[in-house]
Amino acid sequence: MNLKSLFGQRQEAIVGVDISSRGIKVVGLGGSMARPVVEVLASTRLPGGHSVGGTVVDVNQVAEALRGLWRENRIKVKKVALALPSTAVLTKKIMVEADLSSWDMEAQVEEEARPYIPFPLEEVSLDFYPIGQNPQRPEMIDVLIAAARRDRVQNLLDLMELAELEASVVEVQPYAMRLATRRLVDIYLPGQEDAVVLLLKVGAGRTSMQLTAGESIVYERDQAIGGDQLTHRIAACYGCSKDEAETKKIAGALAQDFESSVLRPYLFATVQVLERAIQFMQHTMPNGKIHQIFLTGGGALVPGLAKAISAALQSPCTLVDPFEGMRLAPKVRTHLRLQAAPLFFGACGLALRRFCL
């Protein structure tokens, strides 16, 4: 079994790289977790089909795009943090004896993890992270394990090698997003460490929903709805190609009847999907109440989406900037990409791994 790290180790300098179906976002942070500084901010678009379900299909093209990003933005750091989607990683909390040596703990974790892994262990990349003492059994500690098929991890490692970069951390997407969310909870809900928070990360083809209570992720689910649905509606309404519709959407160059003919029906349909998903989450919510909804991702920039979600779910919904509360390095302060900061939420969460063991 290959114990390739899925949680990674603390790095002196690391850059978060978020590869989606439509593009690459890169964030580099300096300073500390308490006072982070945005030092690197870069992105580039990718033609559709280069990345499917978290797997990079056209490795050569994406590697060339990464090399171009590093060259054009003069990024010196070569070590990067990447993420696998939750669908590609099995995570499980187990218990092991607290007084084990690191070698014995690794052996016991492998043995305890074996029943939960549905494929041969020789095909697995496995890592574990000690959480702390088990509250019911003080002689035991809780350990979080993460297991992924080795070919999924190798896909990212091969990509980084072609891009002349080094994959120092291969994270699980929900845990990277949790790092970014935790900062925002401290800003928006000071003193409410146990608040129930719903994160909605709206991408092109799907929306990731992550419900957290305090430090714990209590529910997560992906919905097949995102910015592509709005693009399709624009194309159908105005008789243009999907590429033309996407360009019009990004530029805001839309007809006068866009709001009534396209936007409102899209918002209504999106909110309906989210409402149904929330009903499945009800049993996981303490007191059945969501204290705050954070809206982020490229699809979150649609006008009126936060307001529509807040009204439907009866909880405050905020379009969040992952860089809120961070200082900006001089070369980043005037960066036009800051106007679309929600797109960098995933990359920001990965960049924060620099400050975590």
Protein backbone atom coordinates (compact mmCIF):
# COMPACT_ATOMS: atom_id res chain seq x y z
CA MET A 1 0.00 0.00 0.00
CA ASN A 2 1.22 3.46 -0.87
CA LEU A 3 0.84 5.85 2.07
CA LYS A 4 0.97 8.90 -0.23
CA SER A 5 -0.14 11.92 1.76
CA LEU A 6 -3.67 13.10 1.15
CA PHE A 7 -3.46 15.63 3.98
CA GLY A 8 0.07 16.83 3.31
CA GLN A 9 2.59 18.45 5.60
CA ARG A 10 3.35 21.99 6.61
CA GLN A 11 5.17 23.89 3.83
CA GLU A 12 7.27 27.05 3.96
CA ALA A 13 5.88 28.23 0.62
CA ILE A 14 2.99 26.65 -1.24
CA VAL A 15 0.48 27.73 -3.88
CA GLY A 16 -3.12 26.52 -4.07
CA VAL A 17 -4.16 25.30 -7.52
CA ASP A 18 -7.86 24.72 -8.24
CA ILE A 19 -8.49 22.95 -11.57
CA SER A 20 -12.14 22.94 -12.64
CA SER A 21 -13.95 22.00 -15.82
CA ARG A 22 -13.64 25.58 -17.09
CA GLY A 23 -10.34 26.88 -15.83
CA ILE A 24 -7.45 27.08 -13.40
CA LYS A 25 -7.29 29.39 -10.38
CA VAL A 26 -4.08 29.95 -8.43
CA VAL A 27 -3.65 31.59 -5.02
CA GLY A 28 -0.48 32.04 -2.99
CA LEU A 29 -0.51 33.31 0.60
CA GLY A 30 2.16 34.67 2.88
CA GLY A 31 2.02 35.86 6.48
CA SER A 32 0.23 33.56 8.92
CA MET A 33 -3.19 32.00 9.43
CA ALA A 34 -4.07 34.87 11.76
CA ARG A 35 -2.80 37.52 9.31
CA PRO A 36 -2.59 36.08 5.79
CA VAL A 37 -1.28 38.10 2.87
CA VAL A 38 -2.41 37.48 -0.72
CA GLU A 39 0.82 37.32 -2.71
CA VAL A 40 -0.21 35.38 -5.82
CA LEU A 41 -3.48 35.62 -7.74
CA ALA A 42 -3.80 34.18 -11.25
CA SER A 43 -6.27 32.34 -13.46
CA THR A 44 -6.82 31.09 -16.98
CA ARG A 45 -9.76 29.57 -18.82
CA LEU A 46 -9.77 26.03 -20.23
CA PRO A 47 -11.90 24.70 -23.08
CA GLY A 48 -14.61 22.35 -21.87
CA GLY A 49 -13.72 18.68 -21.46
CA HIS A 50 -10.17 19.11 -20.19
CA SER A 51 -11.21 18.09 -16.66
CA VAL A 52 -14.09 15.72 -15.95
CA GLY A 53 -15.19 14.72 -12.45
CA GLY A 54 -11.92 15.88 -10.92
CA THR A 55 -9.78 13.89 -13.38
CA VAL A 56 -7.64 15.84 -15.83
CA VAL A 57 -8.32 14.25 -19.21
CA ASP A 58 -5.98 16.27 -21.44
CA VAL A 59 -2.90 16.32 -19.24
CA ASN A 60 -0.61 17.90 -21.85
CA GLN A 61 -2.91 20.86 -22.55
CA VAL A 62 -3.55 21.57 -18.87
CA ALA A 63 0.18 21.28 -18.09
CA GLU A 64 0.91 23.83 -20.83
CA ALA A 65 -1.73 26.16 -19.35
CA LEU A 66 -0.09 25.84 -15.92
CA ARG A 67 3.37 26.58 -17.32
CA GLY A 68 1.92 29.64 -19.05
CA LEU A 69 0.33 30.87 -15.81
CA TRP A 70 3.60 30.52 -13.91
CA ARG A 71 5.55 32.22 -16.69
CA GLU A 72 3.15 35.12 -17.29
CA ASN A 73 2.67 35.86 -13.60
CA ARG A 74 6.32 35.25 -12.66
CA ILE A 75 5.38 32.82 -9.91
CA LYS A 76 8.52 31.54 -8.24
CA VAL A 77 7.00 28.97 -5.87
CA LYS A 78 7.01 25.48 -7.37
CA LYS A 79 5.29 23.55 -4.57
CA VAL A 80 1.52 23.36 -4.92
CA ALA A 81 -1.56 22.06 -3.12
CA LEU A 82 -4.27 20.37 -5.17
CA ALA A 83 -7.54 18.65 -4.34
CA LEU A 84 -9.50 15.56 -5.25
CA PRO A 85 -13.32 15.75 -5.21
CA SER A 86 -15.07 14.05 -2.31
CA THR A 87 -16.48 11.47 -4.75
CA ALA A 88 -12.92 10.24 -5.38
CA VAL A 89 -11.90 9.94 -1.72
CA LEU A 90 -13.25 7.73 1.04
CA THR A 91 -12.99 9.38 4.47
CA LYS A 92 -13.76 7.68 7.75
CA LYS A 93 -13.17 8.38 11.44
CA ILE A 94 -11.75 5.41 13.34
CA MET A 95 -10.27 4.79 16.81
CA VAL A 96 -6.81 3.49 17.65
CA GLU A 97 -4.86 3.09 20.90
CA ALA A 98 -3.42 6.39 22.11
CA ASP A 99 0.01 5.13 23.26
CA LEU A 100 1.16 3.66 19.93
CA SER A 101 4.42 4.66 18.28
CA SER A 102 4.11 6.33 14.88
CA TRP A 103 5.14 3.09 13.15
CA ASP A 104 2.64 0.97 15.09
CA MET A 105 -0.09 3.56 14.58
CA GLU A 106 0.44 3.46 10.82
CA ALA A 107 0.17 -0.33 10.85
CA GLN A 108 -2.97 -0.30 13.00
CA VAL A 109 -4.61 2.44 10.90
CA GLU A 110 -4.05 0.31 7.79
CA GLU A 111 -5.58 -2.70 9.51
CA GLU A 112 -8.56 -0.73 10.89
CA ALA A 113 -9.15 0.95 7.52
CA ARG A 114 -9.16 -2.31 5.54
CA PRO A 115 -12.89 -3.17 6.04
CA TYR A 116 -13.99 0.27 4.81
CA ILE A 117 -12.02 0.32 1.55
CA PRO A 118 -13.97 -1.26 -1.34
CA PHE A 119 -10.97 -1.93 -3.60
CA PRO A 120 -7.63 -3.77 -3.29
CA LEU A 121 -5.26 -2.09 -0.84
CA GLU A 122 -2.36 -2.24 -3.30
CA GLU A 123 -4.36 0.17 -5.51
CA VAL A 124 -4.87 2.66 -2.68
CA SER A 125 -3.24 5.89 -1.60
CA LEU A 126 -3.98 6.13 2.12
CA ASP A 127 -3.29 8.80 4.71
CA PHE A 128 -4.46 9.49 8.24
CA TYR A 129 -4.65 12.43 10.61
CA PRO A 130 -4.94 12.10 14.44
CA ILE A 131 -7.85 14.29 15.59
CA GLY A 132 -7.56 13.91 19.37
CA GLN A 133 -8.65 11.90 22.37
CA ASN A 134 -11.92 10.02 22.02
CA PRO A 135 -14.39 11.62 24.51
CA GLN A 136 -15.95 8.27 25.50
CA ARG A 137 -12.73 6.22 25.65
CA PRO A 138 -9.76 8.25 26.96
CA GLU A 139 -7.31 5.43 26.20
CA MET A 140 -8.14 5.78 22.48
CA ILE A 141 -7.68 8.58 19.96
CA ASP A 142 -9.87 9.41 16.98
CA VAL A 143 -8.11 9.27 13.63
CA LEU A 144 -9.43 10.54 10.31
CA ILE A 145 -8.44 8.35 7.39
CA ALA A 146 -8.60 9.26 3.70
CA ALA A 147 -8.23 6.71 0.92
CA ALA A 148 -8.25 7.24 -2.83
CA ARG A 149 -7.47 5.03 -5.78
CA ARG A 150 -3.83 5.46 -6.64
CA ASP A 151 -4.56 6.24 -10.30
CA ARG A 152 -6.58 9.33 -9.28
CA VAL A 153 -3.68 10.65 -7.21
CA GLN A 154 -1.16 9.69 -9.90
CA ASN A 155 -3.15 11.68 -12.46
CA LEU A 156 -2.41 14.86 -10.49
CA LEU A 157 1.20 13.91 -9.83
CA ASP A 158 1.81 13.28 -13.55
CA LEU A 159 0.19 16.59 -14.40
CA MET A 160 2.41 18.49 -11.97
CA GLU A 161 5.53 16.78 -13.30
CA LEU A 162 4.64 17.83 -16.85
CA ALA A 163 3.96 21.36 -15.61
CA GLU A 164 7.39 21.41 -13.89
CA LEU A 165 5.74 21.78 -10.48
CA GLU A 166 5.72 19.68 -7.30
CA ALA A 167 2.51 18.37 -5.73
CA SER A 168 3.30 18.77 -2.03
CA VAL A 169 -0.30 18.38 -0.82
CA VAL A 170 -3.15 16.41 -2.35
CA GLU A 171 -6.17 17.49 -0.31
CA VAL A 172 -9.83 16.47 -0.22
CA GLN A 173 -11.95 19.32 -1.61
CA PRO A 174 -14.44 19.58 1.28
CA TYR A 175 -11.62 19.96 3.81
CA ALA A 176 -9.92 22.64 1.74
CA MET A 177 -13.22 24.54 1.50
CA ARG A 178 -13.69 24.12 5.24
CA LEU A 179 -10.44 26.00 5.88
CA ALA A 180 -11.68 28.96 3.86
CA THR A 181 -15.12 28.80 5.50
CA ARG A 182 -13.70 28.74 9.03
CA ARG A 183 -11.98 32.10 8.46
CA LEU A 184 -15.25 33.64 7.29
CA VAL A 185 -17.15 32.30 10.32
CA ASP A 186 -14.69 34.14 12.57
CA ILE A 187 -15.37 37.34 10.61
CA TYR A 188 -19.15 37.13 10.16
CA LEU A 189 -20.10 35.24 13.34
CA PRO A 190 -17.53 36.24 15.98
CA GLY A 191 -17.84 34.27 19.17
CA GLN A 192 -20.24 31.74 17.61
CA GLU A 193 -17.86 28.82 17.21
CA ASP A 194 -20.73 26.29 17.12
CA ALA A 195 -22.79 28.14 14.51
CA VAL A 196 -24.45 26.08 11.76
CA VAL A 197 -23.17 27.36 8.41
CA LEU A 198 -24.16 26.31 4.89
CA LEU A 199 -21.58 26.85 2.16
CA LEU A 200 -22.87 26.92 -1.42
CA LYS A 201 -20.09 26.84 -4.01
CA VAL A 202 -21.76 27.35 -7.38
CA GLY A 203 -19.67 26.15 -10.29
CA ALA A 204 -20.37 25.72 -13.98
CA GLY A 205 -22.14 22.36 -13.89
CA ARG A 206 -22.69 21.65 -10.21
CA THR A 207 -23.17 23.27 -6.82
CA SER A 208 -21.34 21.91 -3.79
CA MET A 209 -23.31 22.13 -0.55
CA GLN A 210 -21.41 21.81 2.72
CA LEU A 211 -23.14 22.08 6.09
CA THR A 212 -20.88 22.62 9.09
CA ALA A 213 -21.55 22.88 12.81
CA GLY A 214 -18.57 24.25 14.66
CA GLU A 215 -15.49 22.37 13.50
CA SER A 216 -17.41 19.44 12.01
CA ILE A 217 -18.65 18.86 8.49
CA VAL A 218 -22.05 17.30 9.20
CA TYR A 219 -23.43 17.02 5.66
CA GLU A 220 -22.26 17.49 2.11
CA ARG A 221 -23.94 17.01 -1.22
CA ASP A 222 -23.47 18.05 -4.85
CA GLN A 223 -26.39 19.28 -6.94
CA ALA A 224 -26.37 19.17 -10.75
CA ILE A 225 -27.09 22.86 -11.14
CA GLY A 226 -24.79 25.77 -11.86
CA GLY A 227 -23.87 28.59 -14.19
CA ASP A 228 -24.17 26.39 -17.30
CA GLN A 229 -27.94 26.26 -16.83
CA LEU A 230 -28.09 30.05 -17.10
CA THR A 231 -25.89 29.95 -20.21
CA HIS A 232 -28.22 27.39 -21.83
CA ARG A 233 -31.24 29.57 -21.05
CA ILE A 234 -29.56 32.60 -22.63
CA ALA A 235 -28.66 30.61 -25.76
CA ALA A 236 -32.21 29.22 -26.10
CA CYS A 237 -33.92 32.57 -25.49
CA TYR A 238 -31.81 34.65 -27.87
CA GLY A 239 -30.93 32.05 -30.50
CA CYS A 240 -27.17 32.14 -30.09
CA SER A 241 -24.49 29.50 -29.59
CA LYS A 242 -23.44 28.38 -26.13
CA ASP A 243 -20.06 30.10 -26.53
CA GLU A 244 -21.75 33.37 -27.54
CA ALA A 245 -24.17 33.06 -24.62
CA GLU A 246 -21.28 32.51 -22.18
CA THR A 247 -19.50 35.59 -23.52
CA LYS A 248 -22.65 37.71 -23.19
CA LYS A 249 -23.21 36.43 -19.64
CA ILE A 250 -19.69 37.26 -18.50
CA ALA A 251 -19.71 40.69 -20.18
CA GLY A 252 -23.25 41.54 -19.03
CA ALA A 253 -24.16 42.36 -22.66
CA LEU A 254 -27.74 41.09 -22.46
CA ALA A 255 -31.10 42.24 -23.82
CA GLN A 256 -33.49 44.45 -21.86
CA ASP A 257 -35.89 41.57 -21.22
CA PHE A 258 -33.10 39.37 -19.78
CA GLU A 259 -34.29 39.75 -16.19
CA SER A 260 -37.90 38.79 -16.85
CA SER A 261 -37.34 36.21 -19.61
CA VAL A 262 -34.20 34.45 -18.38
CA LEU A 263 -32.87 35.53 -14.99
CA ARG A 264 -36.00 35.21 -12.87
CA PRO A 265 -36.91 31.71 -14.18
CA TYR A 266 -33.30 30.61 -13.60
CA LEU A 267 -33.28 31.93 -10.03
CA PHE A 268 -36.62 30.26 -9.31
CA ALA A 269 -35.42 26.88 -10.66
CA THR A 270 -32.11 27.10 -8.78
CA VAL A 271 -33.74 27.94 -5.47
CA GLN A 272 -36.21 25.07 -5.89
CA VAL A 273 -33.36 22.57 -6.26
CA LEU A 274 -31.59 23.98 -3.19
CA GLU A 275 -34.79 23.93 -1.12
CA ARG A 276 -35.33 20.24 -1.87
CA ALA A 277 -31.72 19.48 -0.92
CA ILE A 278 -32.09 21.39 2.36
CA GLN A 279 -35.06 19.18 3.27
CA PHE A 280 -32.71 16.16 3.19
CA MET A 281 -30.30 18.04 5.48
CA GLN A 282 -32.90 18.90 8.14
CA HIS A 283 -32.11 15.92 10.39
CA THR A 284 -28.43 16.95 10.62
CA MET A 285 -29.07 20.54 11.74
CA PRO A 286 -28.94 21.32 15.46
CA ASN A 287 -32.36 22.88 16.21
CA GLY A 288 -33.08 22.76 12.47
CA LYS A 289 -31.61 26.24 12.01
CA ILE A 290 -28.96 27.58 9.63
CA HIS A 291 -27.28 30.64 11.13
CA GLN A 292 -25.49 31.79 7.97
CA ILE A 293 -25.27 30.87 4.28
CA PHE A 294 -22.05 31.63 2.43
CA LEU A 295 -22.40 31.85 -1.36
CA THR A 296 -19.29 31.55 -3.50
CA GLY A 297 -17.93 30.22 -6.80
CA GLY A 298 -18.19 31.60 -10.32
CA GLY A 299 -21.92 30.88 -10.60
CA ALA A 300 -22.55 32.83 -7.39
CA LEU A 301 -21.93 36.12 -9.26
CA VAL A 302 -25.38 35.92 -10.90
CA PRO A 303 -27.32 39.09 -9.89
CA GLY A 304 -29.98 38.47 -7.26
CA LEU A 305 -28.97 34.89 -6.40
CA ALA A 306 -27.95 35.59 -2.79
CA LYS A 307 -31.17 37.53 -2.16
CA ALA A 308 -33.33 34.79 -3.68
CA ILE A 309 -31.63 32.07 -1.61
CA SER A 310 -31.94 34.10 1.61
CA ALA A 311 -35.67 34.66 1.05
CA ALA A 312 -36.37 31.02 0.21
CA LEU A 313 -34.30 29.42 2.99
CA GLN A 314 -35.06 32.13 5.56
CA SER A 315 -31.44 32.52 6.57
CA PRO A 316 -28.97 35.33 5.84
CA CYS A 317 -27.08 34.59 2.62
CA THR A 318 -23.90 36.49 1.77
CA LEU A 319 -21.85 36.49 -1.42
CA VAL A 320 -18.44 36.08 0.17
CA ASP A 321 -14.96 37.17 -0.77
CA PRO A 322 -12.46 34.51 0.40
CA PHE A 323 -9.82 37.24 0.76
CA GLU A 324 -11.86 39.27 3.22
CA GLY A 325 -9.72 40.19 6.22
CA MET A 326 -6.49 39.44 4.34
CA ARG A 327 -3.84 41.97 3.42
CA LEU A 328 -3.01 42.34 -0.26
CA ALA A 329 0.54 42.45 -1.55
CA PRO A 330 1.25 45.57 -3.68
CA LYS A 331 1.22 43.65 -6.98
CA VAL A 332 -2.23 42.19 -6.12
CA ARG A 333 -4.02 45.33 -4.85
CA THR A 334 -5.03 46.57 -8.30
CA HIS A 335 -5.64 43.11 -9.74
CA LEU A 336 -8.80 43.00 -11.86
CA ARG A 337 -9.37 39.40 -10.75
CA LEU A 338 -10.27 40.69 -7.28
CA GLN A 339 -13.59 41.78 -8.80
CA ALA A 340 -14.40 38.08 -9.22
CA ALA A 341 -12.94 36.95 -5.90
CA PRO A 342 -15.60 34.24 -5.24
CA LEU A 343 -14.13 32.24 -8.15
CA PHE A 344 -10.95 31.78 -6.07
CA PHE A 345 -12.62 30.21 -3.02
CA GLY A 346 -11.32 26.70 -3.70
CA ALA A 347 -7.79 27.87 -4.52
CA CYS A 348 -7.79 30.05 -1.38
CA GLY A 349 -8.74 27.08 0.80
CA LEU A 350 -5.88 25.08 -0.71
CA ALA A 351 -3.44 27.96 -0.22
CA LEU A 352 -4.40 28.07 3.48
CA ARG A 353 -2.98 24.53 3.82
CA ARG A 354 0.38 26.24 4.06
CA PHE A 355 -0.45 27.16 7.64
CA CYS A 356 -1.80 23.75 8.73
CA LEU A 357 -0.04 20.57 9.79
